[in-house]
Amino acid sequence: MLNGKTVLITGGTGSLGKKLLQIIVDNYKPAKLIIFSRDELKQFEMSQKWSVAKYPCIRYFLGDVRDRDRLNLAFRGVDYVIHAAALKQVPAAEYNPCEYVKTNVLGAINIIDAALYNKVKKVIALSTDKACNPINLYGATKLCSDKLFVAASVYAGQDDVKFSVVRYGNVLASRGSVIPFFKERSKTGVLPITDLRMTRFWITLDQAAHFVLACLGRTKGGEIFVPRIPSMKITDLAKAVAPDCRHEKVGIRPGEKLHETLISEDESRNTVEFKECYIAQSDAVNRKALLDSDNGKGKLCPEGFRYTSDTNRDWLTVDQLRELVEKTAGDYSIEKSRWSMEDVPQ
């Protein structure tokens, strides 16, 4: 799908952007792979590993998703856009709400407009569990972004630009994740735990990147793709990182949830379940197509279904978490890192 095509990644200097770049240049032959971000230092650092001389398809393009004119220039001739740019720190969002609205909401509008203007074939935007039943401003901005991209497929009209969303939970060892924090605090002998009952969904960076690319190949427009991933207890993660440390309960921070939700009960009424993922499709015709396809093996979620980290059937043990933590320094992929999504209709 990517051979001979032009792919652009917004926020391409982030953890996921780097992983996507690595997968694409190792496995495909794109005409161009454009890394769009606003940080010149990170682009310079990336270019030391993935130089244009060694990888002539790569372009490093400075710009901000807040700047519609710059996006219009960047999107010229682009076939596929993976929108990973966002502000995402929950406490910072509570203190700087306008900045998060400008990047996460107005930036999404600019992405949509530039894609429509340049007739991009497919746009896939990255979301977060915090967009489902949001209780903090970051989650609210991402919910708004999700709604914008889902609606964009409707008003794309005859331009046939397809917009969709990928939503998943915490990414193992990504920038700003809890593992580096726990490792640093383990030197004190005490790990602060917000609440001992807390659970989280968990996905590796490799899994997340492969899932995004699989969804890019499957999207028809208007979907929210949710991978089926394991849960873990925050106390088990603490034991895996620093088994000899004492745990100190410090209380849930403002805007923080006890458990994560990837599909709410209300969303599940429009959600089709597959072996490796869930697909929320609000358009009744497209949802019926998911169910009626010859090669599709999807089924509607049962009444009252919720996909939450505390009611999940799949859990990571302390030993499994320890194995993951020990290998975060390397480029580690656990089982099912490549979503085949064979049961999802093409």
C-alpha atoms as a PDB file:
ATOM      1  CA  MET A   1       0.000   0.000   0.000  1.00  0.00           C
ATOM      2  CA  LEU A   2       2.817   2.420   0.841  1.00  0.00           C
ATOM      3  CA  ASN A   3       5.113   1.570  -2.071  1.00  0.00           C
ATOM      4  CA  GLY A   4       5.390   4.502  -4.442  1.00  0.00           C
ATOM      5  CA  LYS A   5       3.162   6.675  -2.220  1.00  0.00           C
ATOM      6  CA  THR A   6       3.848   9.885  -0.333  1.00  0.00           C
ATOM      7  CA  VAL A   7       3.259   9.610   3.421  1.00  0.00           C
ATOM      8  CA  LEU A   8       3.300  12.508   5.886  1.00  0.00           C
ATOM      9  CA  ILE A   9       3.491  12.104   9.677  1.00  0.00           C
ATOM     10  CA  THR A  10       2.578  15.102  11.830  1.00  0.00           C
ATOM     11  CA  GLY A  11       4.401  15.075  15.148  1.00  0.00           C
ATOM     12  CA  GLY A  12       6.852  12.841  13.351  1.00  0.00           C
ATOM     13  CA  THR A  13       9.707  13.484  15.804  1.00  0.00           C
ATOM     14  CA  GLY A  14       7.782  11.879  18.688  1.00  0.00           C
ATOM     15  CA  SER A  15       8.090   8.289  19.901  1.00  0.00           C
ATOM     16  CA  LEU A  16       5.436   6.923  17.553  1.00  0.00           C
ATOM     17  CA  GLY A  17       6.650   8.980  14.604  1.00  0.00           C
ATOM     18  CA  LYS A  18      10.146   7.532  14.935  1.00  0.00           C
ATOM     19  CA  LYS A  19       8.797   3.992  15.170  1.00  0.00           C
ATOM     20  CA  LEU A  20       6.577   4.503  12.118  1.00  0.00           C
ATOM     21  CA  LEU A  21       9.509   5.904  10.158  1.00  0.00           C
ATOM     22  CA  GLN A  22      11.633   2.897  11.067  1.00  0.00           C
ATOM     23  CA  ILE A  23       8.936   0.399  10.058  1.00  0.00           C
ATOM     24  CA  ILE A  24       8.168   2.177   6.784  1.00  0.00           C
ATOM     25  CA  VAL A  25      11.760   2.556   5.561  1.00  0.00           C
ATOM     26  CA  ASP A  26      12.587  -1.032   6.595  1.00  0.00           C
ATOM     27  CA  ASN A  27       9.579  -2.651   4.926  1.00  0.00           C
ATOM     28  CA  TYR A  28       8.287  -0.370   2.154  1.00  0.00           C
ATOM     29  CA  LYS A  29       9.477   1.846  -0.674  1.00  0.00           C
ATOM     30  CA  PRO A  30       7.544   5.106  -0.397  1.00  0.00           C
ATOM     31  CA  ALA A  31       8.087   7.852  -2.934  1.00  0.00           C
ATOM     32  CA  LYS A  32       8.387  10.311  -0.030  1.00  0.00           C
ATOM     33  CA  LEU A  33       8.156  10.074   3.747  1.00  0.00           C
ATOM     34  CA  ILE A  34       7.627  13.534   5.221  1.00  0.00           C
ATOM     35  CA  ILE A  35       8.358  14.174   8.910  1.00  0.00           C
ATOM     36  CA  PHE A  36       6.310  17.238   9.848  1.00  0.00           C
ATOM     37  CA  SER A  37       7.015  18.812  13.242  1.00  0.00           C
ATOM     38  CA  ARG A  38       7.838  22.122  14.855  1.00  0.00           C
ATOM     39  CA  ASP A  39      11.056  21.115  16.675  1.00  0.00           C
ATOM     40  CA  GLU A  40      14.153  21.722  14.581  1.00  0.00           C
ATOM     41  CA  LEU A  41      16.479  20.113  17.138  1.00  0.00           C
ATOM     42  CA  LYS A  42      14.539  16.841  17.145  1.00  0.00           C
ATOM     43  CA  GLN A  43      14.479  16.842  13.372  1.00  0.00           C
ATOM     44  CA  PHE A  44      18.245  17.356  13.333  1.00  0.00           C
ATOM     45  CA  GLU A  45      18.718  14.490  15.804  1.00  0.00           C
ATOM     46  CA  MET A  46      16.498  12.208  13.718  1.00  0.00           C
ATOM     47  CA  SER A  47      18.421  13.097  10.587  1.00  0.00           C
ATOM     48  CA  GLN A  48      21.614  11.812  12.220  1.00  0.00           C
ATOM     49  CA  LYS A  49      20.097   8.314  12.346  1.00  0.00           C
ATOM     50  CA  TRP A  50      17.878   8.514   9.272  1.00  0.00           C
ATOM     51  CA  SER A  51      19.805  10.806   6.960  1.00  0.00           C
ATOM     52  CA  VAL A  52      18.437  11.971   3.628  1.00  0.00           C
ATOM     53  CA  ALA A  53      21.646  10.711   2.015  1.00  0.00           C
ATOM     54  CA  LYS A  54      20.965   7.157   3.205  1.00  0.00           C
ATOM     55  CA  TYR A  55      17.186   7.374   2.910  1.00  0.00           C
ATOM     56  CA  PRO A  56      16.504   9.700  -0.054  1.00  0.00           C
ATOM     57  CA  CYS A  57      12.729   9.346   0.358  1.00  0.00           C
ATOM     58  CA  ILE A  58      12.750  11.161   3.716  1.00  0.00           C
ATOM     59  CA  ARG A  59      11.907  14.854   4.004  1.00  0.00           C
ATOM     60  CA  TYR A  60      12.132  16.878   7.226  1.00  0.00           C
ATOM     61  CA  PHE A  61       9.499  19.616   7.091  1.00  0.00           C
ATOM     62  CA  LEU A  62       9.301  22.277   9.825  1.00  0.00           C
ATOM     63  CA  GLY A  63       5.817  23.465  10.672  1.00  0.00           C
ATOM     64  CA  ASP A  64       3.029  23.604  13.227  1.00  0.00           C
ATOM     65  CA  VAL A  65      -0.458  22.116  12.866  1.00  0.00           C
ATOM     66  CA  ARG A  66      -1.773  25.476  14.068  1.00  0.00           C
ATOM     67  CA  ASP A  67      -0.531  27.002  10.793  1.00  0.00           C
ATOM     68  CA  ARG A  68      -3.028  26.146   8.029  1.00  0.00           C
ATOM     69  CA  ASP A  69      -0.981  27.767   5.254  1.00  0.00           C
ATOM     70  CA  ARG A  70       2.074  25.715   6.167  1.00  0.00           C
ATOM     71  CA  LEU A  71      -0.027  22.533   6.206  1.00  0.00           C
ATOM     72  CA  ASN A  72      -1.382  23.326   2.750  1.00  0.00           C
ATOM     73  CA  LEU A  73       2.173  23.510   1.458  1.00  0.00           C
ATOM     74  CA  ALA A  74       3.237  20.329   3.251  1.00  0.00           C
ATOM     75  CA  PHE A  75       0.212  18.318   2.008  1.00  0.00           C
ATOM     76  CA  ARG A  76       0.853  18.949  -1.702  1.00  0.00           C
ATOM     77  CA  GLY A  77       1.017  15.595  -3.461  1.00  0.00           C
ATOM     78  CA  VAL A  78       0.573  13.628  -0.238  1.00  0.00           C
ATOM     79  CA  ASP A  79      -1.369  10.346  -0.389  1.00  0.00           C
ATOM     80  CA  TYR A  80      -1.590   9.414   3.299  1.00  0.00           C
ATOM     81  CA  VAL A  81      -1.412  11.488   6.479  1.00  0.00           C
ATOM     82  CA  ILE A  82      -0.834  10.025   9.951  1.00  0.00           C
ATOM     83  CA  HIS A  83      -1.737  12.752  12.432  1.00  0.00           C
ATOM     84  CA  ALA A  84       0.252  12.163  15.619  1.00  0.00           C
ATOM     85  CA  ALA A  85       0.907  15.780  16.650  1.00  0.00           C
ATOM     86  CA  ALA A  86      -0.709  16.767  19.941  1.00  0.00           C
ATOM     87  CA  LEU A  87      -0.195  18.334  23.330  1.00  0.00           C
ATOM     88  CA  LYS A  88      -0.949  15.532  25.786  1.00  0.00           C
ATOM     89  CA  GLN A  89       0.191  16.161  29.372  1.00  0.00           C
ATOM     90  CA  VAL A  90      -2.905  16.186  31.601  1.00  0.00           C
ATOM     91  CA  PRO A  91      -1.661  18.596  34.325  1.00  0.00           C
ATOM     92  CA  ALA A  92      -0.267  21.022  31.725  1.00  0.00           C
ATOM     93  CA  ALA A  93      -3.632  21.043  29.944  1.00  0.00           C
ATOM     94  CA  GLU A  94      -5.433  22.079  33.126  1.00  0.00           C
ATOM     95  CA  TYR A  95      -3.076  25.037  33.509  1.00  0.00           C
ATOM     96  CA  ASN A  96      -2.801  25.975  29.798  1.00  0.00           C
ATOM     97  CA  PRO A  97      -6.226  25.152  28.336  1.00  0.00           C
ATOM     98  CA  CYS A  98      -6.107  27.586  25.425  1.00  0.00           C
ATOM     99  CA  GLU A  99      -2.834  26.115  24.150  1.00  0.00           C
ATOM    100  CA  TYR A 100      -4.346  22.623  24.085  1.00  0.00           C
ATOM    101  CA  VAL A 101      -7.422  23.852  22.234  1.00  0.00           C
ATOM    102  CA  LYS A 102      -5.223  25.578  19.639  1.00  0.00           C
ATOM    103  CA  THR A 103      -3.140  22.461  18.927  1.00  0.00           C
ATOM    104  CA  ASN A 104      -5.537  19.568  19.509  1.00  0.00           C
ATOM    105  CA  VAL A 105      -8.793  21.087  18.242  1.00  0.00           C
ATOM    106  CA  LEU A 106      -7.923  23.925  15.873  1.00  0.00           C
ATOM    107  CA  GLY A 107      -4.966  21.882  14.649  1.00  0.00           C
ATOM    108  CA  ALA A 108      -7.351  19.036  13.786  1.00  0.00           C
ATOM    109  CA  ILE A 109      -9.531  21.452  11.797  1.00  0.00           C
ATOM    110  CA  ASN A 110      -6.452  22.645   9.903  1.00  0.00           C
ATOM    111  CA  ILE A 111      -5.404  19.049   9.127  1.00  0.00           C
ATOM    112  CA  ILE A 112      -8.890  18.289   7.764  1.00  0.00           C
ATOM    113  CA  ASP A 113      -9.051  21.449   5.651  1.00  0.00           C
ATOM    114  CA  ALA A 114      -5.544  20.930   4.209  1.00  0.00           C
ATOM    115  CA  ALA A 115      -6.340  17.288   3.417  1.00  0.00           C
ATOM    116  CA  LEU A 116      -9.555  18.233   1.622  1.00  0.00           C
ATOM    117  CA  TYR A 117      -7.885  21.091  -0.260  1.00  0.00           C
ATOM    118  CA  ASN A 118      -5.045  18.836  -1.457  1.00  0.00           C
ATOM    119  CA  LYS A 119      -7.243  15.754  -2.015  1.00  0.00           C
ATOM    120  CA  VAL A 120      -5.232  13.502   0.281  1.00  0.00           C
ATOM    121  CA  LYS A 121      -6.459   9.903  -0.028  1.00  0.00           C
ATOM    122  CA  LYS A 122      -6.486   8.904   3.656  1.00  0.00           C
ATOM    123  CA  VAL A 123      -5.977  10.619   7.003  1.00  0.00           C
ATOM    124  CA  ILE A 124      -5.689   8.628  10.208  1.00  0.00           C
ATOM    125  CA  ALA A 125      -5.616  10.569  13.487  1.00  0.00           C
ATOM    126  CA  LEU A 126      -4.294   9.238  16.781  1.00  0.00           C
ATOM    127  CA  SER A 127      -6.504   9.496  19.840  1.00  0.00           C
ATOM    128  CA  THR A 128      -6.327   8.383  23.470  1.00  0.00           C
ATOM    129  CA  ASP A 129      -8.369   6.537  26.079  1.00  0.00           C
ATOM    130  CA  LYS A 130      -8.831   9.907  27.772  1.00  0.00           C
ATOM    131  CA  ALA A 131     -11.091  10.984  24.901  1.00  0.00           C
ATOM    132  CA  CYS A 132     -13.682   8.423  26.005  1.00  0.00           C
ATOM    133  CA  ASN A 133     -15.956   9.929  28.680  1.00  0.00           C
ATOM    134  CA  PRO A 134     -13.371  12.680  29.337  1.00  0.00           C
ATOM    135  CA  ILE A 135     -12.936  14.205  32.773  1.00  0.00           C
ATOM    136  CA  ASN A 136      -9.949  16.436  31.962  1.00  0.00           C
ATOM    137  CA  LEU A 137      -9.324  19.130  29.382  1.00  0.00           C
ATOM    138  CA  TYR A 138      -6.818  17.062  27.409  1.00  0.00           C
ATOM    139  CA  GLY A 139      -9.388  14.298  27.013  1.00  0.00           C
ATOM    140  CA  ALA A 140     -12.051  16.837  26.050  1.00  0.00           C
ATOM    141  CA  THR A 141      -9.856  18.299  23.295  1.00  0.00           C
ATOM    142  CA  LYS A 142      -9.121  14.827  21.929  1.00  0.00           C
ATOM    143  CA  LEU A 143     -12.817  13.899  22.013  1.00  0.00           C
ATOM    144  CA  CYS A 144     -13.527  17.047  20.013  1.00  0.00           C
ATOM    145  CA  SER A 145     -10.734  16.096  17.603  1.00  0.00           C
ATOM    146  CA  ASP A 146     -12.169  12.566  17.212  1.00  0.00           C
ATOM    147  CA  LYS A 147     -15.599  13.972  16.399  1.00  0.00           C
ATOM    148  CA  LEU A 148     -14.100  16.337  13.835  1.00  0.00           C
ATOM    149  CA  PHE A 149     -12.285  13.553  11.978  1.00  0.00           C
ATOM    150  CA  VAL A 150     -15.281  11.216  12.025  1.00  0.00           C
ATOM    151  CA  ALA A 151     -17.522  13.993  10.700  1.00  0.00           C
ATOM    152  CA  ALA A 152     -14.935  14.985   8.084  1.00  0.00           C
ATOM    153  CA  SER A 153     -15.531  11.732   6.206  1.00  0.00           C
ATOM    154  CA  VAL A 154     -19.157  12.794   5.778  1.00  0.00           C
ATOM    155  CA  TYR A 155     -18.553  16.257   4.397  1.00  0.00           C
ATOM    156  CA  ALA A 156     -15.620  15.153   2.242  1.00  0.00           C
ATOM    157  CA  GLY A 157     -18.350  14.348  -0.288  1.00  0.00           C
ATOM    158  CA  GLN A 158     -17.213  13.417  -3.769  1.00  0.00           C
ATOM    159  CA  ASP A 159     -13.579  14.266  -2.994  1.00  0.00           C
ATOM    160  CA  ASP A 160     -13.350  10.748  -1.520  1.00  0.00           C
ATOM    161  CA  VAL A 161     -10.919  11.723   1.226  1.00  0.00           C
ATOM    162  CA  LYS A 162     -11.151   9.131   4.007  1.00  0.00           C
ATOM    163  CA  PHE A 163     -10.712  10.178   7.629  1.00  0.00           C
ATOM    164  CA  SER A 164     -10.529   7.799  10.594  1.00  0.00           C
ATOM    165  CA  VAL A 165      -9.257   7.601  14.179  1.00  0.00           C
ATOM    166  CA  VAL A 166      -7.103   5.132  16.120  1.00  0.00           C
ATOM    167  CA  ARG A 167      -7.637   5.081  19.895  1.00  0.00           C
ATOM    168  CA  TYR A 168      -5.440   3.153  22.353  1.00  0.00           C
ATOM    169  CA  GLY A 169      -4.107   3.351  25.917  1.00  0.00           C
ATOM    170  CA  ASN A 170      -0.700   3.852  27.517  1.00  0.00           C
ATOM    171  CA  VAL A 171       2.345   3.154  25.358  1.00  0.00           C
ATOM    172  CA  LEU A 172       5.145   1.246  27.072  1.00  0.00           C
ATOM    173  CA  ALA A 173       8.205   3.442  27.718  1.00  0.00           C
ATOM    174  CA  SER A 174       7.021   6.280  25.484  1.00  0.00           C
ATOM    175  CA  ARG A 175       8.140   9.805  26.274  1.00  0.00           C
ATOM    176  CA  GLY A 176       6.606  10.935  29.583  1.00  0.00           C
ATOM    177  CA  SER A 177       5.366   7.459  30.553  1.00  0.00           C
ATOM    178  CA  VAL A 178       5.373   6.103  34.103  1.00  0.00           C
ATOM    179  CA  ILE A 179       8.202   3.573  33.686  1.00  0.00           C
ATOM    180  CA  PRO A 180      11.059   6.109  33.442  1.00  0.00           C
ATOM    181  CA  PHE A 181       9.480   7.942  36.390  1.00  0.00           C
ATOM    182  CA  PHE A 182       9.315   4.773  38.486  1.00  0.00           C
ATOM    183  CA  LYS A 183      12.904   3.869  37.598  1.00  0.00           C
ATOM    184  CA  GLU A 184      14.123   7.273  38.753  1.00  0.00           C
ATOM    185  CA  ARG A 185      12.093   7.251  41.976  1.00  0.00           C
ATOM    186  CA  SER A 186      13.190   3.707  42.801  1.00  0.00           C
ATOM    187  CA  LYS A 187      16.523   5.188  43.921  1.00  0.00           C
ATOM    188  CA  THR A 188      14.703   6.617  46.949  1.00  0.00           C
ATOM    189  CA  GLY A 189      13.268   3.239  47.977  1.00  0.00           C
ATOM    190  CA  VAL A 190       9.689   4.529  47.737  1.00  0.00           C
ATOM    191  CA  LEU A 191       7.374   4.580  44.715  1.00  0.00           C
ATOM    192  CA  PRO A 192       4.433   7.025  44.824  1.00  0.00           C
ATOM    193  CA  ILE A 193       1.176   5.328  43.753  1.00  0.00           C
ATOM    194  CA  THR A 194      -1.830   7.546  43.132  1.00  0.00           C
ATOM    195  CA  ASP A 195      -4.314   4.776  44.017  1.00  0.00           C
ATOM    196  CA  LEU A 196      -3.603   1.114  44.750  1.00  0.00           C
ATOM    197  CA  ARG A 197      -6.735   0.040  42.810  1.00  0.00           C
ATOM    198  CA  MET A 198      -5.678   1.797  39.602  1.00  0.00           C
ATOM    199  CA  THR A 199      -5.577  -0.172  36.318  1.00  0.00           C
ATOM    200  CA  ARG A 200      -4.406   0.770  32.850  1.00  0.00           C
ATOM    201  CA  PHE A 201      -4.439  -0.596  29.308  1.00  0.00           C
ATOM    202  CA  TRP A 202      -0.954  -1.336  27.976  1.00  0.00           C
ATOM    203  CA  ILE A 203       0.473  -1.450  24.453  1.00  0.00           C
ATOM    204  CA  THR A 204       4.052  -1.479  23.175  1.00  0.00           C
ATOM    205  CA  LEU A 205       5.317   1.173  20.810  1.00  0.00           C
ATOM    206  CA  ASP A 206       5.878  -1.462  18.155  1.00  0.00           C
ATOM    207  CA  GLN A 207       2.331  -2.756  18.511  1.00  0.00           C
ATOM    208  CA  ALA A 208       0.887   0.754  18.341  1.00  0.00           C
ATOM    209  CA  ALA A 209       2.765   1.579  15.132  1.00  0.00           C
ATOM    210  CA  HIS A 210       1.803  -1.657  13.395  1.00  0.00           C
ATOM    211  CA  PHE A 211      -1.814  -1.219  14.425  1.00  0.00           C
ATOM    212  CA  VAL A 212      -1.886   2.307  12.957  1.00  0.00           C
ATOM    213  CA  LEU A 213      -0.534   1.035   9.637  1.00  0.00           C
ATOM    214  CA  ALA A 214      -2.994  -1.886   9.613  1.00  0.00           C
ATOM    215  CA  CYS A 215      -5.887   0.533  10.186  1.00  0.00           C
ATOM    216  CA  LEU A 216      -4.593   2.813   7.428  1.00  0.00           C
ATOM    217  CA  GLY A 217      -4.962  -0.106   5.049  1.00  0.00           C
ATOM    218  CA  ARG A 218      -8.451  -1.051   6.262  1.00  0.00           C
ATOM    219  CA  THR A 219     -10.155   2.319   6.711  1.00  0.00           C
ATOM    220  CA  LYS A 220     -13.235   3.193   4.672  1.00  0.00           C
ATOM    221  CA  GLY A 221     -13.762   6.474   6.524  1.00  0.00           C
ATOM    222  CA  GLY A 222     -15.483   7.490   9.748  1.00  0.00           C
ATOM    223  CA  GLU A 223     -14.172   4.648  11.923  1.00  0.00           C
ATOM    224  CA  ILE A 224     -12.665   4.728  15.385  1.00  0.00           C
ATOM    225  CA  PHE A 225     -10.307   1.730  15.583  1.00  0.00           C
ATOM    226  CA  VAL A 226      -9.582   0.328  19.052  1.00  0.00           C
ATOM    227  CA  PRO A 227      -7.040  -2.517  19.474  1.00  0.00           C
ATOM    228  CA  ARG A 228      -7.718  -5.413  21.835  1.00  0.00           C
ATOM    229  CA  ILE A 229      -4.869  -5.070  24.327  1.00  0.00           C
ATOM    230  CA  PRO A 230      -4.098  -6.289  27.865  1.00  0.00           C
ATOM    231  CA  SER A 231      -4.624  -4.469  31.150  1.00  0.00           C
ATOM    232  CA  MET A 232      -2.279  -4.220  34.098  1.00  0.00           C
ATOM    233  CA  LYS A 233      -2.489  -3.096  37.712  1.00  0.00           C
ATOM    234  CA  ILE A 234      -0.368  -0.091  38.567  1.00  0.00           C
ATOM    235  CA  THR A 235       0.849  -1.905  41.694  1.00  0.00           C
ATOM    236  CA  ASP A 236       1.991  -4.854  39.530  1.00  0.00           C
ATOM    237  CA  LEU A 237       3.913  -2.469  37.291  1.00  0.00           C
ATOM    238  CA  ALA A 238       5.585  -0.952  40.360  1.00  0.00           C
ATOM    239  CA  LYS A 239       6.596  -4.444  41.542  1.00  0.00           C
ATOM    240  CA  ALA A 240       7.977  -5.223  38.091  1.00  0.00           C
ATOM    241  CA  VAL A 241      10.051  -2.035  37.934  1.00  0.00           C
ATOM    242  CA  ALA A 242      11.303  -1.995  41.541  1.00  0.00           C
ATOM    243  CA  PRO A 243      10.316  -5.100  43.535  1.00  0.00           C
ATOM    244  CA  ASP A 244      12.125  -3.952  46.700  1.00  0.00           C
ATOM    245  CA  CYS A 245      10.530  -0.515  46.896  1.00  0.00           C
ATOM    246  CA  ARG A 246       7.775   0.460  49.309  1.00  0.00           C
ATOM    247  CA  HIS A 247       4.551   1.868  47.814  1.00  0.00           C
ATOM    248  CA  GLU A 248       3.186   5.164  49.080  1.00  0.00           C
ATOM    249  CA  LYS A 249      -0.377   6.163  48.203  1.00  0.00           C
ATOM    250  CA  VAL A 250      -0.461   9.832  47.206  1.00  0.00           C
ATOM    251  CA  GLY A 251      -4.009  10.215  45.857  1.00  0.00           C
ATOM    252  CA  ILE A 252      -5.451  10.624  42.372  1.00  0.00           C
ATOM    253  CA  ARG A 253      -4.428  13.841  40.651  1.00  0.00           C
ATOM    254  CA  PRO A 254      -6.960  16.286  39.193  1.00  0.00           C
ATOM    255  CA  GLY A 255      -8.282  15.007  35.875  1.00  0.00           C
ATOM    256  CA  GLU A 256      -7.037  11.444  36.466  1.00  0.00           C
ATOM    257  CA  LYS A 257      -9.212   8.325  36.234  1.00  0.00           C
ATOM    258  CA  LEU A 258      -9.093   5.220  38.419  1.00  0.00           C
ATOM    259  CA  HIS A 259      -9.637   2.972  35.375  1.00  0.00           C
ATOM    260  CA  GLU A 260      -9.367   3.626  31.647  1.00  0.00           C
ATOM    261  CA  THR A 261     -12.181   3.343  29.124  1.00  0.00           C
ATOM    262  CA  LEU A 262     -11.562   2.762  25.435  1.00  0.00           C
ATOM    263  CA  ILE A 263     -15.179   2.113  24.441  1.00  0.00           C
ATOM    264  CA  SER A 264     -18.054   3.519  26.481  1.00  0.00           C
ATOM    265  CA  GLU A 265     -21.422   1.825  26.854  1.00  0.00           C
ATOM    266  CA  ASP A 266     -23.008   4.441  24.605  1.00  0.00           C
ATOM    267  CA  GLU A 267     -20.340   4.010  21.910  1.00  0.00           C
ATOM    268  CA  SER A 268     -20.626   0.218  22.029  1.00  0.00           C
ATOM    269  CA  ARG A 269     -24.097   0.376  20.421  1.00  0.00           C
ATOM    270  CA  ASN A 270     -22.340   1.454  17.221  1.00  0.00           C
ATOM    271  CA  THR A 271     -19.298  -0.802  17.639  1.00  0.00           C
ATOM    272  CA  VAL A 272     -18.409  -3.971  15.756  1.00  0.00           C
ATOM    273  CA  GLU A 273     -16.183  -6.526  17.485  1.00  0.00           C
ATOM    274  CA  PHE A 274     -13.430  -8.383  15.629  1.00  0.00           C
ATOM    275  CA  LYS A 275     -10.760 -10.817  16.783  1.00  0.00           C
ATOM    276  CA  GLU A 276      -8.001  -8.207  17.050  1.00  0.00           C
ATOM    277  CA  CYS A 277      -9.866  -4.919  17.403  1.00  0.00           C
ATOM    278  CA  TYR A 278     -13.125  -3.057  17.844  1.00  0.00           C
ATOM    279  CA  ILE A 279     -14.418  -0.616  15.227  1.00  0.00           C
ATOM    280  CA  ALA A 280     -16.836   2.112  16.253  1.00  0.00           C
ATOM    281  CA  GLN A 281     -18.760   3.259  13.181  1.00  0.00           C
ATOM    282  CA  SER A 282     -21.575   5.748  13.741  1.00  0.00           C
ATOM    283  CA  ASP A 283     -22.735   5.605  10.106  1.00  0.00           C
ATOM    284  CA  ALA A 284     -25.396   2.873   9.918  1.00  0.00           C
ATOM    285  CA  VAL A 285     -24.688   1.994   6.269  1.00  0.00           C
ATOM    286  CA  ASN A 286     -20.942   1.601   6.822  1.00  0.00           C
ATOM    287  CA  ARG A 287     -21.557  -0.312  10.045  1.00  0.00           C
ATOM    288  CA  LYS A 288     -23.822  -2.738   8.189  1.00  0.00           C
ATOM    289  CA  ALA A 289     -21.101  -3.166   5.565  1.00  0.00           C
ATOM    290  CA  LEU A 290     -18.701  -4.248   8.321  1.00  0.00           C
ATOM    291  CA  LEU A 291     -21.176  -6.910   9.409  1.00  0.00           C
ATOM    292  CA  ASP A 292     -22.262  -8.078   5.944  1.00  0.00           C
ATOM    293  CA  SER A 293     -18.873  -8.349   4.232  1.00  0.00           C
ATOM    294  CA  ASP A 294     -18.044 -11.791   2.809  1.00  0.00           C
ATOM    295  CA  ASN A 295     -14.660 -11.935   4.544  1.00  0.00           C
ATOM    296  CA  GLY A 296     -15.762 -10.033   7.632  1.00  0.00           C
ATOM    297  CA  LYS A 297     -16.267 -11.905  10.874  1.00  0.00           C
ATOM    298  CA  GLY A 298     -17.481  -9.018  12.939  1.00  0.00           C
ATOM    299  CA  LYS A 299     -20.399  -8.925  15.348  1.00  0.00           C
ATOM    300  CA  LEU A 300     -22.136  -6.130  17.164  1.00  0.00           C
ATOM    301  CA  CYS A 301     -21.063  -5.611  20.763  1.00  0.00           C
ATOM    302  CA  PRO A 302     -23.657  -6.880  23.266  1.00  0.00           C
ATOM    303  CA  GLU A 303     -26.011  -4.476  24.999  1.00  0.00           C
ATOM    304  CA  GLY A 304     -24.360  -2.788  27.960  1.00  0.00           C
ATOM    305  CA  PHE A 305     -20.808  -3.600  26.824  1.00  0.00           C
ATOM    306  CA  ARG A 306     -17.957  -1.363  27.980  1.00  0.00           C
ATOM    307  CA  TYR A 307     -14.268  -1.851  27.171  1.00  0.00           C
ATOM    308  CA  THR A 308     -12.530  -0.770  30.375  1.00  0.00           C
ATOM    309  CA  SER A 309      -9.183  -1.612  31.924  1.00  0.00           C
ATOM    310  CA  ASP A 310     -10.716  -3.047  35.104  1.00  0.00           C
ATOM    311  CA  THR A 311     -13.204  -5.377  33.332  1.00  0.00           C
ATOM    312  CA  ASN A 312     -10.801  -6.488  30.592  1.00  0.00           C
ATOM    313  CA  ARG A 313     -10.367 -10.260  30.139  1.00  0.00           C
ATOM    314  CA  ASP A 314      -6.683 -10.010  29.184  1.00  0.00           C
ATOM    315  CA  TRP A 315      -4.177  -9.113  31.920  1.00  0.00           C
ATOM    316  CA  LEU A 316      -0.396  -8.815  32.168  1.00  0.00           C
ATOM    317  CA  THR A 317       1.213 -10.506  35.175  1.00  0.00           C
ATOM    318  CA  VAL A 318       4.093  -9.105  37.202  1.00  0.00           C
ATOM    319  CA  ASP A 319       6.511 -11.479  35.422  1.00  0.00           C
ATOM    320  CA  GLN A 320       5.253 -10.422  31.990  1.00  0.00           C
ATOM    321  CA  LEU A 321       5.538  -6.755  32.933  1.00  0.00           C
ATOM    322  CA  ARG A 322       9.038  -7.308  34.269  1.00  0.00           C
ATOM    323  CA  GLU A 323      10.051  -8.915  30.993  1.00  0.00           C
ATOM    324  CA  LEU A 324       8.719  -5.934  29.093  1.00  0.00           C
ATOM    325  CA  VAL A 325      10.370  -3.423  31.404  1.00  0.00           C
ATOM    326  CA  GLU A 326      13.747  -5.147  31.139  1.00  0.00           C
ATOM    327  CA  LYS A 327      13.639  -4.902  27.370  1.00  0.00           C
ATOM    328  CA  THR A 328      12.428  -1.338  26.986  1.00  0.00           C
ATOM    329  CA  ALA A 329      15.984  -0.178  26.386  1.00  0.00           C
ATOM    330  CA  GLY A 330      16.004  -2.245  23.192  1.00  0.00           C
ATOM    331  CA  ASP A 331      13.656  -2.338  20.236  1.00  0.00           C
ATOM    332  CA  TYR A 332      11.312  -4.964  21.595  1.00  0.00           C
ATOM    333  CA  SER A 333       8.194  -6.418  20.019  1.00  0.00           C
ATOM    334  CA  ILE A 334       5.956  -8.806  21.946  1.00  0.00           C
ATOM    335  CA  GLU A 335       3.645 -11.384  20.458  1.00  0.00           C
ATOM    336  CA  LYS A 336       0.961 -10.045  18.118  1.00  0.00           C
ATOM    337  CA  SER A 337       2.950  -6.873  17.460  1.00  0.00           C
ATOM    338  CA  ARG A 338       1.840  -7.025  13.823  1.00  0.00           C
ATOM    339  CA  TRP A 339      -1.927  -6.823  13.595  1.00  0.00           C
ATOM    340  CA  SER A 340      -2.976  -8.871  10.590  1.00  0.00           C
ATOM    341  CA  MET A 341      -6.637  -7.818  10.993  1.00  0.00           C
ATOM    342  CA  GLU A 342      -7.504 -10.562   8.515  1.00  0.00           C
ATOM    343  CA  ASP A 343     -11.069 -10.738   9.782  1.00  0.00           C
ATOM    344  CA  VAL A 344     -11.654  -7.020   9.152  1.00  0.00           C
ATOM    345  CA  PRO A 345     -13.121  -6.341   5.677  1.00  0.00           C
ATOM    346  CA  GLN A 346     -10.791  -4.756   3.137  1.00  0.00           C
END
